[in-house]
N, C-alpha and C. Protein backbone atom coordinates (compact mmCIF):
# COMPACT_ATOMS: atom_id res chain seq x y z
N MET A 1 2.61 51.04 -28.27
CA MET A 1 3.81 50.51 -28.06
C MET A 1 4.09 49.34 -27.75
N ASN A 2 3.13 48.34 -27.86
CA ASN A 2 3.28 46.97 -27.56
C ASN A 2 3.84 46.17 -28.48
N PRO A 3 5.02 45.61 -28.27
CA PRO A 3 5.42 44.76 -29.53
C PRO A 3 4.66 43.41 -29.72
N GLY A 4 4.86 42.80 -30.69
CA GLY A 4 4.01 41.76 -30.93
C GLY A 4 2.58 42.03 -31.60
N LYS A 5 1.95 43.14 -31.27
CA LYS A 5 0.74 43.46 -31.68
C LYS A 5 0.48 43.98 -33.31
N LEU A 6 1.76 44.74 -33.79
CA LEU A 6 2.26 45.22 -34.90
C LEU A 6 2.66 44.21 -35.91
N ASN A 7 2.96 44.57 -37.28
CA ASN A 7 3.68 43.78 -37.98
C ASN A 7 5.10 44.10 -37.36
N PRO A 8 6.08 43.02 -37.84
CA PRO A 8 7.48 43.30 -36.91
C PRO A 8 8.07 44.50 -37.54
N VAL A 9 7.99 44.69 -38.75
CA VAL A 9 8.58 45.87 -39.70
C VAL A 9 8.05 46.96 -39.03
N ILE A 10 7.00 47.00 -38.90
CA ILE A 10 6.17 48.44 -38.65
C ILE A 10 6.46 48.55 -36.94
N ASP A 11 6.64 47.80 -36.40
CA ASP A 11 7.11 48.01 -34.79
C ASP A 11 8.49 48.42 -35.01
N PHE A 12 9.53 47.79 -35.52
CA PHE A 12 11.20 48.05 -35.60
C PHE A 12 10.87 49.83 -36.16
N ILE A 13 10.30 50.36 -37.05
CA ILE A 13 10.40 51.38 -37.99
C ILE A 13 9.57 52.34 -36.52
N ASN A 14 8.70 51.79 -35.61
CA ASN A 14 8.21 52.74 -34.74
C ASN A 14 8.83 53.24 -33.57
N THR A 15 9.93 52.00 -33.11
CA THR A 15 10.72 51.96 -32.15
C THR A 15 11.94 52.73 -32.67
N LEU A 16 12.35 52.62 -33.96
CA LEU A 16 13.42 53.62 -34.35
C LEU A 16 12.84 55.13 -34.21
N CYS A 17 11.75 55.47 -34.53
CA CYS A 17 11.29 57.16 -34.80
C CYS A 17 11.34 57.09 -33.12
N ASN A 18 10.82 56.63 -32.18
CA ASN A 18 10.66 56.88 -30.90
C ASN A 18 12.14 57.10 -30.00
N PHE A 19 13.07 56.13 -30.82
CA PHE A 19 14.45 56.49 -30.35
C PHE A 19 15.05 57.75 -30.74
N PHE A 20 14.75 57.98 -32.32
CA PHE A 20 14.89 59.06 -32.69
C PHE A 20 14.77 60.66 -32.30
N ALA A 21 13.60 60.47 -31.77
CA ALA A 21 12.80 61.32 -31.03
C ALA A 21 13.53 61.96 -29.58
N LEU A 22 13.76 60.55 -29.02
CA LEU A 22 14.22 60.52 -27.37
C LEU A 22 15.76 61.38 -27.84
N ASN A 23 16.52 61.00 -29.18
CA ASN A 23 17.90 61.51 -28.91
C ASN A 23 17.57 62.95 -29.41
N LEU A 24 16.84 63.26 -30.21
CA LEU A 24 16.46 64.75 -30.32
C LEU A 24 16.46 65.48 -29.27
N ALA A 25 15.58 64.90 -28.41
CA ALA A 25 14.98 65.71 -27.20
C ALA A 25 16.19 66.04 -26.54
N PHE A 26 17.16 64.85 -25.93
CA PHE A 26 18.28 64.58 -25.18
C PHE A 26 19.33 65.62 -26.05
N GLN A 27 19.46 65.64 -27.24
CA GLN A 27 20.61 66.80 -27.82
C GLN A 27 20.37 68.27 -27.34
N ILE A 28 18.92 68.36 -27.45
CA ILE A 28 18.22 70.02 -27.15
C ILE A 28 18.32 70.34 -25.81
N ILE A 29 18.27 69.15 -24.96
CA ILE A 29 18.35 69.66 -23.50
C ILE A 29 19.62 69.64 -23.12
N CYS A 30 20.52 69.31 -23.81
CA CYS A 30 21.93 69.12 -23.53
C CYS A 30 22.85 70.45 -23.91
N LEU A 31 22.17 71.15 -24.71
CA LEU A 31 22.55 72.31 -25.34
C LEU A 31 23.23 73.34 -24.14
N PRO A 32 22.19 73.74 -23.06
CA PRO A 32 23.03 74.49 -22.00
C PRO A 32 23.88 73.26 -21.29
N VAL A 33 25.00 73.71 -21.05
CA VAL A 33 26.29 72.65 -20.56
C VAL A 33 25.75 72.07 -19.18
N PHE A 34 25.37 72.92 -18.43
CA PHE A 34 25.03 72.50 -16.92
C PHE A 34 23.93 71.68 -16.95
N THR A 35 23.06 71.21 -17.36
CA THR A 35 22.17 70.32 -17.76
C THR A 35 22.66 68.77 -18.28
N ILE A 36 23.73 68.72 -18.77
CA ILE A 36 24.22 67.44 -18.99
C ILE A 36 24.16 66.15 -18.24
N GLY A 37 24.33 66.40 -16.93
CA GLY A 37 24.31 65.41 -15.78
C GLY A 37 23.15 64.72 -15.69
N THR A 38 21.72 66.17 -15.48
CA THR A 38 20.45 65.22 -15.17
C THR A 38 20.10 64.63 -16.76
N ALA A 39 20.37 65.34 -18.12
CA ALA A 39 20.18 64.66 -19.23
C ALA A 39 20.66 63.40 -19.25
N LEU A 40 21.73 62.94 -19.02
CA LEU A 40 22.09 61.72 -19.09
C LEU A 40 21.47 60.58 -17.81
N ALA A 41 21.32 61.02 -16.79
CA ALA A 41 20.73 60.30 -16.05
C ALA A 41 19.33 59.86 -16.19
N SER A 42 18.48 60.80 -17.00
CA SER A 42 17.08 60.85 -17.31
C SER A 42 17.28 59.83 -18.90
N LEU A 43 18.14 59.93 -19.54
CA LEU A 43 18.23 59.13 -20.71
C LEU A 43 18.60 57.53 -20.36
N TYR A 44 19.65 57.29 -19.30
CA TYR A 44 19.71 55.93 -18.91
C TYR A 44 18.62 55.37 -18.38
N TYR A 45 17.83 56.35 -17.74
CA TYR A 45 16.46 55.56 -16.96
C TYR A 45 15.51 55.07 -17.95
N VAL A 46 15.30 56.01 -18.77
CA VAL A 46 14.70 55.67 -20.17
C VAL A 46 14.84 54.45 -20.81
N THR A 47 16.52 54.24 -21.43
CA THR A 47 17.03 53.18 -22.12
C THR A 47 16.70 51.68 -21.07
N LEU A 48 17.22 51.95 -19.72
CA LEU A 48 17.24 50.87 -19.03
C LEU A 48 15.69 50.27 -19.12
N LYS A 49 14.67 51.14 -18.90
CA LYS A 49 13.13 50.60 -18.80
C LYS A 49 12.97 50.09 -20.04
N GLN A 50 13.36 50.69 -21.18
CA GLN A 50 13.31 49.70 -22.58
C GLN A 50 14.01 48.40 -22.76
N VAL A 51 15.17 48.38 -21.81
CA VAL A 51 15.71 47.17 -22.02
C VAL A 51 15.06 46.13 -21.05
N LYS A 52 14.37 46.41 -19.82
CA LYS A 52 13.88 45.72 -19.26
C LYS A 52 12.39 45.47 -20.00
N ARG A 53 12.13 45.68 -21.04
CA ARG A 53 10.68 45.23 -21.71
C ARG A 53 9.91 46.15 -21.20
N GLU A 54 9.69 47.40 -20.20
CA GLU A 54 8.56 48.42 -19.73
C GLU A 54 8.42 49.24 -21.03
N TYR A 55 7.75 48.82 -21.66
CA TYR A 55 7.33 49.84 -22.99
C TYR A 55 6.61 50.95 -22.41
N GLY A 56 6.63 52.10 -23.04
CA GLY A 56 6.17 53.18 -22.76
C GLY A 56 6.17 54.42 -23.60
N TYR A 57 5.96 55.63 -23.16
CA TYR A 57 6.27 56.62 -24.13
C TYR A 57 7.82 57.46 -23.83
N LEU A 58 8.53 56.84 -24.68
CA LEU A 58 9.80 57.31 -24.48
C LEU A 58 10.25 59.03 -24.26
N VAL A 59 9.96 59.87 -24.91
CA VAL A 59 10.10 61.14 -24.77
C VAL A 59 9.43 61.98 -23.40
N ARG A 60 8.14 61.54 -23.08
CA ARG A 60 7.34 61.88 -22.25
C ARG A 60 7.86 61.11 -20.96
N THR A 61 8.21 59.88 -20.65
CA THR A 61 9.08 59.50 -19.61
C THR A 61 10.43 60.28 -19.26
N TYR A 62 11.05 60.40 -20.23
CA TYR A 62 12.21 61.20 -20.37
C TYR A 62 12.33 62.52 -19.83
N LEU A 63 11.21 63.53 -20.35
CA LEU A 63 10.98 64.44 -19.94
C LEU A 63 10.72 64.60 -18.31
N ARG A 64 9.56 63.47 -17.92
CA ARG A 64 9.34 63.90 -16.56
C ARG A 64 10.55 63.28 -15.68
N GLU A 65 11.23 62.42 -15.81
CA GLU A 65 12.41 61.96 -15.16
C GLU A 65 13.48 63.35 -15.18
N PHE A 66 13.56 63.77 -16.10
CA PHE A 66 14.24 65.11 -16.12
C PHE A 66 13.78 66.30 -15.21
N LYS A 67 12.36 66.31 -15.39
CA LYS A 67 12.26 67.32 -14.38
C LYS A 67 12.30 67.03 -13.00
N ARG A 68 12.13 65.80 -12.73
CA ARG A 68 12.18 64.81 -11.19
C ARG A 68 13.75 65.09 -10.64
N ASN A 69 14.49 65.03 -11.54
CA ASN A 69 16.25 64.90 -11.21
C ASN A 69 16.73 66.16 -11.43
N PHE A 70 16.15 67.28 -11.92
CA PHE A 70 16.45 68.36 -12.23
C PHE A 70 17.59 69.10 -11.13
N LYS A 71 16.87 69.39 -10.41
CA LYS A 71 18.11 69.96 -8.91
C LYS A 71 19.08 69.08 -8.34
N ASN A 72 18.50 67.79 -8.23
CA ASN A 72 20.19 67.16 -7.93
C ASN A 72 21.42 66.74 -9.11
N GLY A 73 20.43 66.44 -10.22
CA GLY A 73 21.60 66.10 -11.40
C GLY A 73 22.38 67.51 -11.59
N THR A 74 21.98 68.83 -11.64
CA THR A 74 22.53 69.74 -12.14
C THR A 74 23.48 70.24 -11.11
N LEU A 75 23.25 70.02 -9.66
CA LEU A 75 24.07 70.23 -8.55
C LEU A 75 25.34 69.24 -8.34
N ALA A 76 25.03 68.20 -8.84
CA ALA A 76 25.85 67.05 -8.41
C ALA A 76 27.25 67.03 -9.32
N PRO A 77 27.40 67.19 -10.80
CA PRO A 77 28.38 67.04 -11.24
C PRO A 77 29.68 67.91 -10.84
N PRO A 78 29.11 69.78 -10.71
CA PRO A 78 29.84 70.46 -10.47
C PRO A 78 30.54 70.18 -8.90
N ALA A 79 29.66 69.77 -8.35
CA ALA A 79 30.07 69.54 -6.88
C ALA A 79 31.30 68.38 -6.82
N SER A 80 30.90 67.14 -7.55
CA SER A 80 32.07 65.85 -7.45
C SER A 80 33.46 66.79 -8.20
N ALA A 81 32.81 67.52 -9.33
CA ALA A 81 34.33 67.89 -9.78
C ALA A 81 35.38 68.88 -9.09
N CYS A 82 34.56 69.79 -8.44
CA CYS A 82 35.24 70.37 -7.37
C CYS A 82 36.02 69.49 -6.37
N SER A 83 34.98 68.43 -5.74
CA SER A 83 35.74 67.56 -4.80
C SER A 83 37.03 67.04 -5.38
N SER A 84 36.74 66.19 -6.51
CA SER A 84 37.83 65.50 -7.28
C SER A 84 39.26 66.74 -7.17
N ARG A 85 39.16 67.75 -7.91
CA ARG A 85 40.05 68.85 -7.94
C ARG A 85 40.65 69.25 -6.93
N LEU A 86 39.90 69.55 -5.85
CA LEU A 86 40.56 69.51 -4.41
C LEU A 86 41.52 68.56 -4.16
N THR A 87 40.76 67.17 -4.02
CA THR A 87 41.59 66.16 -3.08
C THR A 87 42.78 65.80 -4.38
N LYS A 88 42.64 66.17 -5.88
CA LYS A 88 44.03 65.92 -6.48
C LYS A 88 44.91 67.17 -6.51
N SER A 89 44.58 67.94 -5.93
CA SER A 89 45.58 69.31 -5.76
C SER A 89 46.22 69.16 -4.33
N SER A 90 45.40 69.03 -3.46
CA SER A 90 45.91 68.86 -2.33
C SER A 90 46.86 67.51 -2.29
N TRP A 91 46.77 66.71 -2.63
CA TRP A 91 47.63 65.65 -3.31
C TRP A 91 48.99 65.81 -3.47
N ARG A 92 48.83 66.59 -4.68
CA ARG A 92 49.85 66.61 -5.17
C ARG A 92 51.08 68.03 -4.47
N PHE A 93 50.39 68.80 -3.87
CA PHE A 93 51.05 70.09 -3.29
C PHE A 93 51.46 69.72 -1.48
N LEU A 94 50.84 69.16 -1.05
CA LEU A 94 51.13 68.73 0.58
C LEU A 94 52.29 67.68 0.63
N PRO A 95 52.82 67.89 1.79
CA PRO A 95 54.02 67.10 1.98
C PRO A 95 53.63 65.50 2.44
N SER A 96 54.07 64.73 2.09
CA SER A 96 53.63 63.51 2.10
C SER A 96 53.31 62.90 3.67
N ASP A 97 53.80 63.83 4.76
CA ASP A 97 53.48 63.13 5.88
C ASP A 97 52.27 64.03 6.64
N SER A 98 51.95 64.80 5.85
CA SER A 98 50.48 65.59 6.30
C SER A 98 49.46 65.25 6.55
N TYR A 99 48.83 65.45 7.68
CA TYR A 99 47.20 65.17 8.39
C TYR A 99 46.15 65.16 7.06
N PHE A 100 46.56 66.27 6.56
CA PHE A 100 45.53 66.95 5.48
C PHE A 100 45.53 66.01 4.40
N ARG A 101 46.66 65.29 3.84
CA ARG A 101 46.76 64.89 2.86
C ARG A 101 46.42 63.18 2.81
N SER A 102 46.27 63.03 4.20
CA SER A 102 45.74 61.50 4.45
C SER A 102 44.44 61.48 4.41
N ILE A 103 43.44 62.54 4.69
CA ILE A 103 42.16 62.76 4.92
C ILE A 103 41.79 63.03 3.64
N CYS A 104 42.53 63.87 2.50
CA CYS A 104 42.06 64.04 1.32
C CYS A 104 42.20 62.67 0.30
N SER A 105 43.15 62.06 0.47
CA SER A 105 43.43 60.53 -0.12
C SER A 105 42.19 59.66 0.21
N ALA A 106 41.81 59.57 1.80
CA ALA A 106 41.04 58.89 2.10
C ALA A 106 39.40 59.20 1.47
N LEU A 107 39.13 60.70 1.13
CA LEU A 107 37.96 61.07 0.66
C LEU A 107 37.94 60.55 -0.94
N TYR A 108 39.13 60.74 -1.47
CA TYR A 108 39.27 60.46 -2.97
C TYR A 108 38.86 58.92 -3.30
N LEU A 109 39.76 58.12 -2.40
CA LEU A 109 39.21 56.65 -2.67
C LEU A 109 37.83 56.35 -2.38
N THR A 110 37.18 57.00 -1.14
CA THR A 110 36.00 56.57 -0.88
C THR A 110 35.05 57.09 -1.74
N LYS A 111 35.27 57.88 -2.58
CA LYS A 111 34.17 58.31 -3.54
C LYS A 111 34.11 57.48 -4.97
N TYR A 112 35.49 57.31 -4.96
CA TYR A 112 35.44 56.35 -6.48
C TYR A 112 35.28 54.93 -5.81
N SER A 113 35.14 54.25 -4.57
CA SER A 113 35.00 52.82 -4.34
C SER A 113 33.30 53.16 -4.24
N ILE A 114 32.68 54.15 -3.79
CA ILE A 114 31.26 54.14 -4.09
C ILE A 114 30.94 54.21 -5.28
N LEU A 115 31.41 54.96 -6.27
CA LEU A 115 31.05 55.09 -7.70
C LEU A 115 31.20 53.67 -8.44
N MET A 116 32.27 53.02 -8.07
CA MET A 116 32.46 51.63 -8.32
C MET A 116 31.26 50.64 -8.27
N LYS A 117 30.96 50.79 -6.68
CA LYS A 117 30.15 49.88 -6.40
C LYS A 117 28.46 50.16 -7.38
N ARG A 118 28.38 51.46 -7.50
CA ARG A 118 26.90 51.84 -8.39
C ARG A 118 27.18 51.17 -9.85
N GLN A 119 28.42 51.37 -10.21
CA GLN A 119 28.61 50.96 -11.58
C GLN A 119 28.53 49.29 -11.85
N ARG A 120 28.82 48.38 -10.62
CA ARG A 120 28.65 47.19 -10.60
C ARG A 120 27.36 46.68 -10.34
N LYS A 121 26.47 47.67 -9.55
CA LYS A 121 24.89 47.30 -9.40
C LYS A 121 24.38 47.55 -10.73
N ILE A 122 24.83 48.50 -11.53
CA ILE A 122 24.05 48.97 -12.69
C ILE A 122 24.50 47.62 -13.82
N PHE A 123 25.85 47.51 -13.95
CA PHE A 123 26.13 46.11 -14.74
C PHE A 123 25.36 45.12 -14.31
N LEU A 124 25.14 44.75 -13.25
CA LEU A 124 24.62 43.56 -12.93
C LEU A 124 23.19 43.48 -13.21
N LYS A 125 22.05 44.60 -13.21
CA LYS A 125 20.82 44.64 -13.51
C LYS A 125 20.84 44.69 -15.16
N ILE A 126 21.85 44.84 -15.92
CA ILE A 126 21.77 44.87 -17.13
C ILE A 126 21.88 43.23 -17.56
N ARG A 127 22.85 42.52 -16.85
CA ARG A 127 23.12 41.59 -17.49
C ARG A 127 21.98 40.44 -16.84
N LYS A 128 21.38 40.68 -15.84
CA LYS A 128 19.95 39.88 -15.55
C LYS A 128 18.90 40.09 -16.78
N VAL A 129 18.96 41.26 -17.39
CA VAL A 129 17.87 41.32 -18.49
C VAL A 129 18.04 40.33 -19.40
N PHE A 130 19.36 40.20 -19.68
CA PHE A 130 20.03 39.06 -20.93
C PHE A 130 20.29 38.00 -20.44
């Protein structure tokens, strides 16, 4: 899968078929809903490698990353959703001068500031490629 060695048309068709197979693997793995987090993380890893021009086997790399990130990627989204739900509901029902409400709001803001830092790093990595 080294571009430049094949005819550009054949190279395009090869890349298109590889991404079709990757998309099919992603959709099959996402059928059980609890694997969506791991599947998205693995898909992101493979497409970012492709953007960086680190060519390789897409589906094989995807499945290897899926296996490696399965435990963390499966447990993280439900834990994140529960913590968000807890802080939002606490915020709504507690009195405004409550000590617990201030702790919940601090946790909520900390969580989203960490997420925004990660998204900024990802954006800068993608921008460097182009």
